[in-house]
Amino acid sequence: MRFPWAVAAALLLVGGVAQADEADSAPQPAADGMAVSVGIICNTTEQAEHYIRLRAGGADITPAVSAVNEAARDPHACGLAAIAFERDKTVETKSVQGKLVNIVRINVLAGYNGREWLRIPTQVQYAVMEAQDGLSI
């Protein structure tokens, strides 16, 4: 469930998840523990770690995602996604450009396709989140 930047922007405008000038947003928890946010998710912890290493080395978001996907030989290994999810557990904590980030195992419940939310069978992914729990970098 990866979506382009335009979809993320639409989500921010329509859903009101975060201020319009923020690319990353803090999850908005519901009573049942579900959160909604936009951020980078990957299929494996190794892909998330690769992404973090690239970002720590100064790569911008898009080239970092492209490099991870190329190395994985999977165009959907990592990417930006607007998702509804449940947080599972923190797998690892790293430092990127002076910020602590976590690799967090999450259960994706739905994704936003630019027009509507689509519920999916629960899918395990690994999110790159700022230490204060917002989907990040």
Foldseek 3Di string as FASTA:
>chain_A
DAADQVLQLLCCVVVVQDDNVDSWGAFDQDPVQKTWIKAKKFADPVLVVQLQVCQLVPDDNVVSLVVSCVVVVHNVRMHIFTFIKHWDAFDDWDAHPNFIKTWTWIWTQWTGHNPDIDGDPTGIITFIGTPVHIGDD
